[in-house]
C-alpha atoms as a PDB file:
ATOM      1  CA  UNK A   1     112.552 112.138  77.367  1.00  0.00           C
ATOM      2  CA  UNK A   2     109.101 112.062  78.944  1.00  0.00           C
ATOM      3  CA  UNK A   3     108.568 109.648  81.836  1.00  0.00           C
ATOM      4  CA  UNK A   4     105.550 108.620  83.892  1.00  0.00           C
ATOM      5  CA  UNK A   5     105.438 107.282  87.434  1.00  0.00           C
ATOM      6  CA  UNK A   6     104.850 103.602  88.116  1.00  0.00           C
ATOM      7  CA  UNK A   7     102.741 102.337  91.041  1.00  0.00           C
ATOM      8  CA  UNK A   8     104.998 100.601  93.594  1.00  0.00           C
ATOM      9  CA  UNK A   9     103.106  99.401  96.687  1.00  0.00           C
ATOM     10  CA  UNK A  10     101.588 102.472  98.353  1.00  0.00           C
ATOM     11  CA  UNK A  11     104.026 104.771  96.537  1.00  0.00           C
ATOM     12  CA  UNK A  12     105.041 105.726  93.030  1.00  0.00           C
ATOM     13  CA  UNK A  13     108.433 105.123  91.439  1.00  0.00           C
ATOM     14  CA  UNK A  14     110.333 106.758  88.628  1.00  0.00           C
ATOM     15  CA  UNK A  15     111.993 104.022  86.585  1.00  0.00           C
ATOM     16  CA  UNK A  16     115.402 105.019  85.237  1.00  0.00           C
ATOM     17  CA  UNK A  17     116.681 102.916  82.350  1.00  0.00           C
ATOM     18  CA  UNK A  18     120.024 101.127  82.583  1.00  0.00           C
ATOM     19  CA  UNK A  19     121.807 103.233  79.913  1.00  0.00           C
ATOM     20  CA  UNK A  20     121.136 106.387  81.944  1.00  0.00           C
ATOM     21  CA  UNK A  21     122.257 104.681  85.169  1.00  0.00           C
ATOM     22  CA  UNK A  22     125.423 103.507  83.422  1.00  0.00           C
ATOM     23  CA  UNK A  23     126.087 106.990  82.037  1.00  0.00           C
ATOM     24  CA  UNK A  24     125.855 108.491  85.539  1.00  0.00           C
ATOM     25  CA  UNK A  25     127.651 105.535  87.165  1.00  0.00           C
ATOM     26  CA  UNK A  26     124.672 104.853  89.444  1.00  0.00           C
ATOM     27  CA  UNK A  27     124.278 101.422  91.045  1.00  0.00           C
ATOM     28  CA  UNK A  28     121.430 100.249  93.310  1.00  0.00           C
ATOM     29  CA  UNK A  29     123.518 101.153  96.397  1.00  0.00           C
ATOM     30  CA  UNK A  30     124.594 104.602  95.147  1.00  0.00           C
ATOM     31  CA  UNK A  31     123.325 107.364  97.469  1.00  0.00           C
ATOM     32  CA  UNK A  32     121.334 109.946  95.535  1.00  0.00           C
ATOM     33  CA  UNK A  33     120.700 113.582  96.367  1.00  0.00           C
ATOM     34  CA  UNK A  34     117.122 114.656  95.676  1.00  0.00           C
ATOM     35  CA  UNK A  35     116.395 118.386  95.607  1.00  0.00           C
ATOM     36  CA  UNK A  36     113.669 120.643  94.289  1.00  0.00           C
ATOM     37  CA  UNK A  37     113.220 124.323  93.554  1.00  0.00           C
ATOM     38  CA  UNK A  38     109.439 123.999  93.822  1.00  0.00           C
ATOM     39  CA  UNK A  39     108.991 123.409  90.092  1.00  0.00           C
ATOM     40  CA  UNK A  40     111.591 120.800  89.167  1.00  0.00           C
ATOM     41  CA  UNK A  41     112.912 117.644  90.771  1.00  0.00           C
ATOM     42  CA  UNK A  42     116.673 117.125  90.605  1.00  0.00           C
ATOM     43  CA  UNK A  43     118.249 113.729  91.256  1.00  0.00           C
ATOM     44  CA  UNK A  44     122.021 113.307  91.213  1.00  0.00           C
ATOM     45  CA  UNK A  45     124.631 110.918  92.619  1.00  0.00           C
ATOM     46  CA  UNK A  46     125.790 112.076  96.024  1.00  0.00           C
ATOM     47  CA  UNK A  47     129.483 112.265  96.882  1.00  0.00           C
ATOM     48  CA  UNK A  48     128.909 112.605 100.595  1.00  0.00           C
ATOM     49  CA  UNK A  49     126.651 111.501 103.392  1.00  0.00           C
ATOM     50  CA  UNK A  50     123.439 113.437 103.915  1.00  0.00           C
ATOM     51  CA  UNK A  51     123.772 116.068 106.616  1.00  0.00           C
ATOM     52  CA  UNK A  52     121.364 115.919 109.517  1.00  0.00           C
ATOM     53  CA  UNK A  53     120.113 119.001 111.285  1.00  0.00           C
ATOM     54  CA  UNK A  54     120.321 119.706 115.033  1.00  0.00           C
ATOM     55  CA  UNK A  55     116.772 118.483 115.657  1.00  0.00           C
ATOM     56  CA  UNK A  56     117.419 115.133 113.949  1.00  0.00           C
ATOM     57  CA  UNK A  57     120.695 114.773 115.848  1.00  0.00           C
ATOM     58  CA  UNK A  58     118.938 115.439 119.166  1.00  0.00           C
ATOM     59  CA  UNK A  59     116.280 112.802 118.338  1.00  0.00           C
ATOM     60  CA  UNK A  60     119.041 110.270 117.695  1.00  0.00           C
ATOM     61  CA  UNK A  61     120.766 111.135 120.982  1.00  0.00           C
ATOM     62  CA  UNK A  62     117.476 110.908 122.891  1.00  0.00           C
ATOM     63  CA  UNK A  63     116.913 107.449 121.422  1.00  0.00           C
ATOM     64  CA  UNK A  64     120.393 106.320 122.432  1.00  0.00           C
ATOM     65  CA  UNK A  65     119.991 107.763 125.928  1.00  0.00           C
ATOM     66  CA  UNK A  66     116.653 105.968 126.288  1.00  0.00           C
ATOM     67  CA  UNK A  67     118.251 102.689 125.315  1.00  0.00           C
ATOM     68  CA  UNK A  68     121.170 103.304 127.697  1.00  0.00           C
ATOM     69  CA  UNK A  69     118.789 103.979 130.590  1.00  0.00           C
ATOM     70  CA  UNK A  70     116.548 101.039 129.778  1.00  0.00           C
ATOM     71  CA  UNK A  71     119.377  98.519 129.473  1.00  0.00           C
ATOM     72  CA  UNK A  72     121.982 100.047 131.816  1.00  0.00           C
ATOM     73  CA  UNK A  73     122.273  96.916 133.977  1.00  0.00           C
ATOM     74  CA  UNK A  74     122.675  94.654 130.954  1.00  0.00           C
ATOM     75  CA  UNK A  75     125.337  96.916 129.426  1.00  0.00           C
ATOM     76  CA  UNK A  76     127.203  97.014 132.723  1.00  0.00           C
ATOM     77  CA  UNK A  77     127.232  93.209 132.967  1.00  0.00           C
ATOM     78  CA  UNK A  78     128.407  92.912 129.347  1.00  0.00           C
ATOM     79  CA  UNK A  79     131.254  95.337 130.031  1.00  0.00           C
ATOM     80  CA  UNK A  80     132.523  93.308 132.995  1.00  0.00           C
END
C-alpha cells in the first residue's frame, strides 16, 4: 500500500484507514509508539507509558518546584 501525507494545519498527517485500525485494535485514544531506524518509520500500538529521560524528569520537577514556591502561601492556607 502506498500512502501520501495530508496537510493538517501547519503539519502533515498520515491517514490510516479504519480496516487497518480495526485489525491492529487501534482507537483514537490508543497510545502509539513511533520509532525510526533512519530509513523507515514504524508505528505500533504501545502497551506501556512512554519512558521519560532524566533531563525531562528534572524539567518536570523544576516546574513543580516553581509552582510550589510561587503559590506556597495559597497551598498552606488550602491545607489548613
